[in-house]
C-alpha atoms as a PDB file:
ATOM      1  CA  MET A   1     -10.727   4.329  16.109  1.00  0.00           C
ATOM      2  CA  VAL A   2      -9.478   0.835  15.226  1.00  0.00           C
ATOM      3  CA  ILE A   3     -12.293  -1.430  14.092  1.00  0.00           C
ATOM      4  CA  ALA A   4     -12.106  -5.008  15.379  1.00  0.00           C
ATOM      5  CA  ASP A   5     -12.396  -7.824  12.832  1.00  0.00           C
ATOM      6  CA  SER A   6     -11.713  -5.492   9.907  1.00  0.00           C
ATOM      7  CA  VAL A   7     -10.323  -6.842   6.630  1.00  0.00           C
ATOM      8  CA  ILE A   8      -8.752  -4.967   3.736  1.00  0.00           C
ATOM      9  CA  GLU A   9      -9.580  -6.342   0.280  1.00  0.00           C
ATOM     10  CA  ILE A  10      -7.678  -5.036  -2.736  1.00  0.00           C
ATOM     11  CA  ASP A  11      -8.963  -5.808  -6.241  1.00  0.00           C
ATOM     12  CA  LEU A  12      -5.841  -5.497  -8.398  1.00  0.00           C
ATOM     13  CA  ASP A  13      -7.812  -5.738 -11.641  1.00  0.00           C
ATOM     14  CA  GLN A  14     -10.259  -2.960 -10.780  1.00  0.00           C
ATOM     15  CA  GLN A  15      -7.809  -0.898  -8.650  1.00  0.00           C
ATOM     16  CA  TRP A  16     -10.099  -0.673  -5.602  1.00  0.00           C
ATOM     17  CA  LEU A  17      -9.364  -1.105  -1.907  1.00  0.00           C
ATOM     18  CA  ARG A  18     -12.269  -1.984   0.371  1.00  0.00           C
ATOM     19  CA  LEU A  19     -12.355  -2.015   4.147  1.00  0.00           C
ATOM     20  CA  ARG A  20     -14.834  -4.540   5.499  1.00  0.00           C
ATOM     21  CA  THR A  21     -16.011  -5.957   8.757  1.00  0.00           C
ATOM     22  CA  GLY A  22     -17.981  -9.140   8.289  1.00  0.00           C
ATOM     23  CA  ARG A  23     -20.135  -8.599   5.195  1.00  0.00           C
ATOM     24  CA  ARG A  24     -20.371  -4.862   5.741  1.00  0.00           C
ATOM     25  CA  GLN A  25     -18.284  -2.520   3.585  1.00  0.00           C
ATOM     26  CA  LEU A  26     -17.014   0.352   5.707  1.00  0.00           C
ATOM     27  CA  ALA A  27     -15.040   2.245   3.072  1.00  0.00           C
ATOM     28  CA  ARG A  28     -13.892   2.013  -0.534  1.00  0.00           C
ATOM     29  CA  TYR A  29     -10.922   3.809  -2.090  1.00  0.00           C
ATOM     30  CA  ARG A  30      -9.330   4.018  -5.545  1.00  0.00           C
ATOM     31  CA  VAL A  31      -5.710   2.839  -5.551  1.00  0.00           C
ATOM     32  CA  SER A  32      -2.795   2.457  -7.935  1.00  0.00           C
ATOM     33  CA  THR A  33      -0.847  -0.821  -7.904  1.00  0.00           C
ATOM     34  CA  GLY A  34       2.145  -2.240  -9.801  1.00  0.00           C
ATOM     35  CA  ARG A  35       2.793  -0.937 -13.301  1.00  0.00           C
ATOM     36  CA  ASN A  36       4.298  -4.362 -14.104  1.00  0.00           C
ATOM     37  CA  GLY A  37       1.090  -6.183 -13.153  1.00  0.00           C
ATOM     38  CA  VAL A  38       0.757  -8.909 -10.560  1.00  0.00           C
ATOM     39  CA  GLY A  39       3.482 -11.204  -9.310  1.00  0.00           C
ATOM     40  CA  GLU A  40       5.366 -12.226  -6.250  1.00  0.00           C
ATOM     41  CA  ARG A  41       9.019 -12.397  -7.351  1.00  0.00           C
ATOM     42  CA  PHE A  42      11.673 -10.171  -5.812  1.00  0.00           C
ATOM     43  CA  GLY A  43      12.722  -7.417  -8.232  1.00  0.00           C
ATOM     44  CA  SER A  44       9.663  -7.823 -10.481  1.00  0.00           C
ATOM     45  CA  GLY A  45       8.047  -4.468  -9.701  1.00  0.00           C
ATOM     46  CA  CYS A  46       4.760  -6.375  -9.520  1.00  0.00           C
ATOM     47  CA  THR A  47       2.122  -6.264  -6.799  1.00  0.00           C
ATOM     48  CA  PRO A  48       1.846  -9.562  -4.909  1.00  0.00           C
ATOM     49  CA  ARG A  49      -1.391 -11.497  -4.588  1.00  0.00           C
ATOM     50  CA  GLY A  50      -2.875 -13.578  -1.827  1.00  0.00           C
ATOM     51  CA  LEU A  51      -3.426 -13.246   1.881  1.00  0.00           C
ATOM     52  CA  HIS A  52      -1.252 -10.786   3.776  1.00  0.00           C
ATOM     53  CA  ARG A  53      -1.479  -8.919   7.026  1.00  0.00           C
ATOM     54  CA  VAL A  54      -0.361  -5.498   8.216  1.00  0.00           C
ATOM     55  CA  ARG A  55       3.022  -6.054   9.850  1.00  0.00           C
ATOM     56  CA  MET A  56       3.727  -2.438  10.811  1.00  0.00           C
ATOM     57  CA  ARG A  57       1.905   0.900  10.902  1.00  0.00           C
ATOM     58  CA  ILE A  58       4.365   3.735  10.298  1.00  0.00           C
ATOM     59  CA  GLY A  59       3.838   7.488  10.487  1.00  0.00           C
ATOM     60  CA  ASP A  60       1.076   7.829  13.056  1.00  0.00           C
ATOM     61  CA  GLY A  61       0.761  11.526  13.869  1.00  0.00           C
ATOM     62  CA  CYS A  62       3.043  12.730  11.069  1.00  0.00           C
ATOM     63  CA  PRO A  63       1.787  15.720   9.066  1.00  0.00           C
ATOM     64  CA  LEU A  64       0.004  15.209   5.753  1.00  0.00           C
ATOM     65  CA  GLY A  65       2.608  14.919   2.986  1.00  0.00           C
ATOM     66  CA  THR A  66       5.440  13.707   5.241  1.00  0.00           C
ATOM     67  CA  VAL A  67       8.122  12.161   3.012  1.00  0.00           C
ATOM     68  CA  PHE A  68       9.507   8.753   4.002  1.00  0.00           C
ATOM     69  CA  ARG A  69      12.695   7.032   2.928  1.00  0.00           C
ATOM     70  CA  ALA A  70      13.533   3.566   4.283  1.00  0.00           C
ATOM     71  CA  ARG A  71      10.371   3.840   6.423  1.00  0.00           C
ATOM     72  CA  ARG A  72      11.658   6.909   8.268  1.00  0.00           C
ATOM     73  CA  PRO A  73      10.455  10.510   7.935  1.00  0.00           C
ATOM     74  CA  THR A  74      13.064  12.563   6.052  1.00  0.00           C
ATOM     75  CA  GLY A  75      11.970  15.857   7.601  1.00  0.00           C
ATOM     76  CA  GLU A  76      10.541  16.947   4.237  1.00  0.00           C
ATOM     77  CA  ILE A  77       6.920  17.725   3.449  1.00  0.00           C
ATOM     78  CA  TYR A  78       5.958  17.025  -0.152  1.00  0.00           C
ATOM     79  CA  CYS A  79       5.412  20.127  -2.309  1.00  0.00           C
ATOM     80  CA  GLU A  80       5.626  21.101  -5.987  1.00  0.00           C
ATOM     81  CA  GLU A  81       9.141  22.537  -5.579  1.00  0.00           C
ATOM     82  CA  LEU A  82      10.431  19.311  -4.042  1.00  0.00           C
ATOM     83  CA  ALA A  83       8.761  17.293  -6.808  1.00  0.00           C
ATOM     84  CA  ALA A  84      10.282  19.505  -9.515  1.00  0.00           C
ATOM     85  CA  ALA A  85      13.747  19.108  -7.996  1.00  0.00           C
ATOM     86  CA  GLN A  86      13.418  15.282  -7.941  1.00  0.00           C
ATOM     87  CA  PRO A  87      11.094  14.300 -10.802  1.00  0.00           C
ATOM     88  CA  GLU A  88      12.062  10.598 -10.864  1.00  0.00           C
ATOM     89  CA  ARG A  89      11.656   9.976  -7.137  1.00  0.00           C
ATOM     90  CA  ASP A  90       9.120   7.331  -6.051  1.00  0.00           C
ATOM     91  CA  TRP A  91       7.320   9.322  -3.362  1.00  0.00           C
ATOM     92  CA  ILE A  92       6.227   7.495  -0.220  1.00  0.00           C
ATOM     93  CA  LEU A  93       4.089   9.943   1.708  1.00  0.00           C
ATOM     94  CA  THR A  94       2.011  10.475   4.863  1.00  0.00           C
ATOM     95  CA  ARG A  95       1.691   6.902   6.265  1.00  0.00           C
ATOM     96  CA  ILE A  96       2.961   3.383   5.564  1.00  0.00           C
ATOM     97  CA  LEU A  97       1.187   0.078   6.134  1.00  0.00           C
ATOM     98  CA  TRP A  98       3.948  -2.512   5.651  1.00  0.00           C
ATOM     99  CA  LEU A  99       2.585  -5.861   4.480  1.00  0.00           C
ATOM    100  CA  THR A 100       3.808  -9.375   5.187  1.00  0.00           C
ATOM    101  CA  GLY A 101       2.688 -12.444   3.256  1.00  0.00           C
ATOM    102  CA  CYS A 102       0.855 -15.283   4.984  1.00  0.00           C
ATOM    103  CA  GLU A 103       1.246 -18.007   2.316  1.00  0.00           C
ATOM    104  CA  ARG A 104       4.595 -19.796   2.536  1.00  0.00           C
ATOM    105  CA  GLY A 105       6.147 -20.306  -0.895  1.00  0.00           C
ATOM    106  CA  PHE A 106       3.635 -17.970  -2.570  1.00  0.00           C
ATOM    107  CA  ASN A 107       4.083 -14.567  -0.869  1.00  0.00           C
ATOM    108  CA  ARG A 108       6.191 -15.527   2.152  1.00  0.00           C
ATOM    109  CA  GLY A 109       9.795 -16.749   2.226  1.00  0.00           C
ATOM    110  CA  GLY A 110      12.550 -17.020  -0.360  1.00  0.00           C
ATOM    111  CA  GLU A 111      12.268 -15.000  -3.580  1.00  0.00           C
ATOM    112  CA  VAL A 112       8.572 -14.234  -3.042  1.00  0.00           C
ATOM    113  CA  ASP A 113       8.620 -12.654   0.421  1.00  0.00           C
ATOM    114  CA  THR A 114       6.353  -9.597   0.474  1.00  0.00           C
ATOM    115  CA  LEU A 115       7.905  -8.206   3.654  1.00  0.00           C
ATOM    116  CA  ARG A 116      11.463  -8.384   2.277  1.00  0.00           C
ATOM    117  CA  ARG A 117      10.212  -6.837  -0.986  1.00  0.00           C
ATOM    118  CA  PHE A 118       9.098  -3.813   1.072  1.00  0.00           C
ATOM    119  CA  ILE A 119       5.533  -3.853  -0.228  1.00  0.00           C
ATOM    120  CA  TYR A 120       3.479  -1.110   1.409  1.00  0.00           C
ATOM    121  CA  ILE A 121       0.156   0.611   1.253  1.00  0.00           C
ATOM    122  CA  HIS A 122       1.325   4.226   1.210  1.00  0.00           C
ATOM    123  CA  GLY A 123       0.433   7.753   0.227  1.00  0.00           C
ATOM    124  CA  CYS A 124       1.612   9.430  -2.955  1.00  0.00           C
ATOM    125  CA  PRO A 125       1.364  12.877  -4.546  1.00  0.00           C
ATOM    126  CA  ASP A 126      -2.248  13.872  -5.166  1.00  0.00           C
ATOM    127  CA  THR A 127      -1.269  14.604  -8.780  1.00  0.00           C
ATOM    128  CA  GLN A 128      -0.713  10.873  -9.388  1.00  0.00           C
ATOM    129  CA  PRO A 129      -3.705   9.141 -10.973  1.00  0.00           C
ATOM    130  CA  MET A 130      -5.657   6.508  -9.069  1.00  0.00           C
ATOM    131  CA  GLY A 131      -7.359   3.572 -10.788  1.00  0.00           C
ATOM    132  CA  VAL A 132      -4.302   3.096 -13.034  1.00  0.00           C
ATOM    133  CA  PRO A 133      -1.449   0.683 -12.204  1.00  0.00           C
ATOM    134  CA  LEU A 134       1.653   2.921 -11.976  1.00  0.00           C
ATOM    135  CA  SER A 135       3.551   1.952  -8.806  1.00  0.00           C
ATOM    136  CA  HIS A 136       6.738  -0.059  -8.406  1.00  0.00           C
ATOM    137  CA  GLY A 137       4.724  -2.845  -6.725  1.00  0.00           C
ATOM    138  CA  CYS A 138       3.228  -1.082  -3.712  1.00  0.00           C
ATOM    139  CA  ILE A 139      -0.379   0.007  -3.296  1.00  0.00           C
ATOM    140  CA  ARG A 140      -0.624   3.788  -3.606  1.00  0.00           C
ATOM    141  CA  MET A 141      -3.465   5.798  -2.100  1.00  0.00           C
ATOM    142  CA  ARG A 142      -4.538   9.412  -1.838  1.00  0.00           C
ATOM    143  CA  ASN A 143      -3.095  10.843   1.388  1.00  0.00           C
ATOM    144  CA  ASP A 144      -6.442  11.770   2.975  1.00  0.00           C
ATOM    145  CA  ASP A 145      -7.829   8.309   2.135  1.00  0.00           C
ATOM    146  CA  LEU A 146      -4.765   6.638   3.616  1.00  0.00           C
ATOM    147  CA  ILE A 147      -5.103   8.540   6.893  1.00  0.00           C
ATOM    148  CA  ALA A 148      -8.769   7.524   7.115  1.00  0.00           C
ATOM    149  CA  LEU A 149      -7.824   3.860   6.508  1.00  0.00           C
ATOM    150  CA  PHE A 150      -4.770   3.976   8.802  1.00  0.00           C
ATOM    151  CA  ASP A 151      -6.831   5.262  11.710  1.00  0.00           C
ATOM    152  CA  ARG A 152      -9.314   2.375  11.382  1.00  0.00           C
ATOM    153  CA  ILE A 153      -6.973  -0.621  11.231  1.00  0.00           C
ATOM    154  CA  GLY A 154      -4.332  -2.145  13.465  1.00  0.00           C
ATOM    155  CA  VAL A 155      -1.247  -4.316  13.195  1.00  0.00           C
ATOM    156  CA  GLY A 156      -2.338  -7.798  12.144  1.00  0.00           C
ATOM    157  CA  THR A 157      -5.273  -6.653  10.000  1.00  0.00           C
ATOM    158  CA  PRO A 158      -5.729  -9.175   7.146  1.00  0.00           C
ATOM    159  CA  VAL A 159      -5.131  -7.824   3.638  1.00  0.00           C
ATOM    160  CA  LEU A 160      -6.352  -9.898   0.681  1.00  0.00           C
ATOM    161  CA  LEU A 161      -4.977  -8.942  -2.734  1.00  0.00           C
ATOM    162  CA  THR A 162      -6.870 -10.556  -5.605  1.00  0.00           C
ATOM    163  CA  SER A 163      -6.539 -10.664  -9.391  1.00  0.00           C
ATOM    164  CA  THR A 164      -7.777 -12.843 -12.201  1.00  0.00           C
ATOM    165  CA  GLU A 165      -4.518 -12.130 -14.057  1.00  0.00           C
ATOM    166  CA  ALA A 166      -1.896 -14.880 -14.050  1.00  0.00           C
ATOM    167  CA  GLY A 167       1.359 -13.681 -12.462  1.00  0.00           C
END
């Protein structure tokens, strides 16, 4: 059930995602963000900061472990054999929340456009550690956690990514 007036807050320093409505915390999840730290530039591999919103929800109803490429299901379901055959693949699994920046010149437009950088909140293999920045710029979540979040938010949900680190 989508919760009205919900907000996603992501603490990039502590690697936590919180779902809130008003002052009330509804859920909290460990995440993994950009291995290269924080930053908004195209090609940086960094996770952008600032105010965003969910532009698209992708994968509703897909099975747990559905593999996506270019935001489309490939027909594969993630498993150890698939992982062993493609050890360097950046797995995007189960659901995608595609983010768009709201701050022109900071995370929207030109060389800092979050949407055109294809920054998502997405699932990853459960063997990947959470609480450690290891992604290519996206926000990775456990698949079960992502489904729980996905089912509670809608297109347009604000997403605030914060860090004390200079980008």
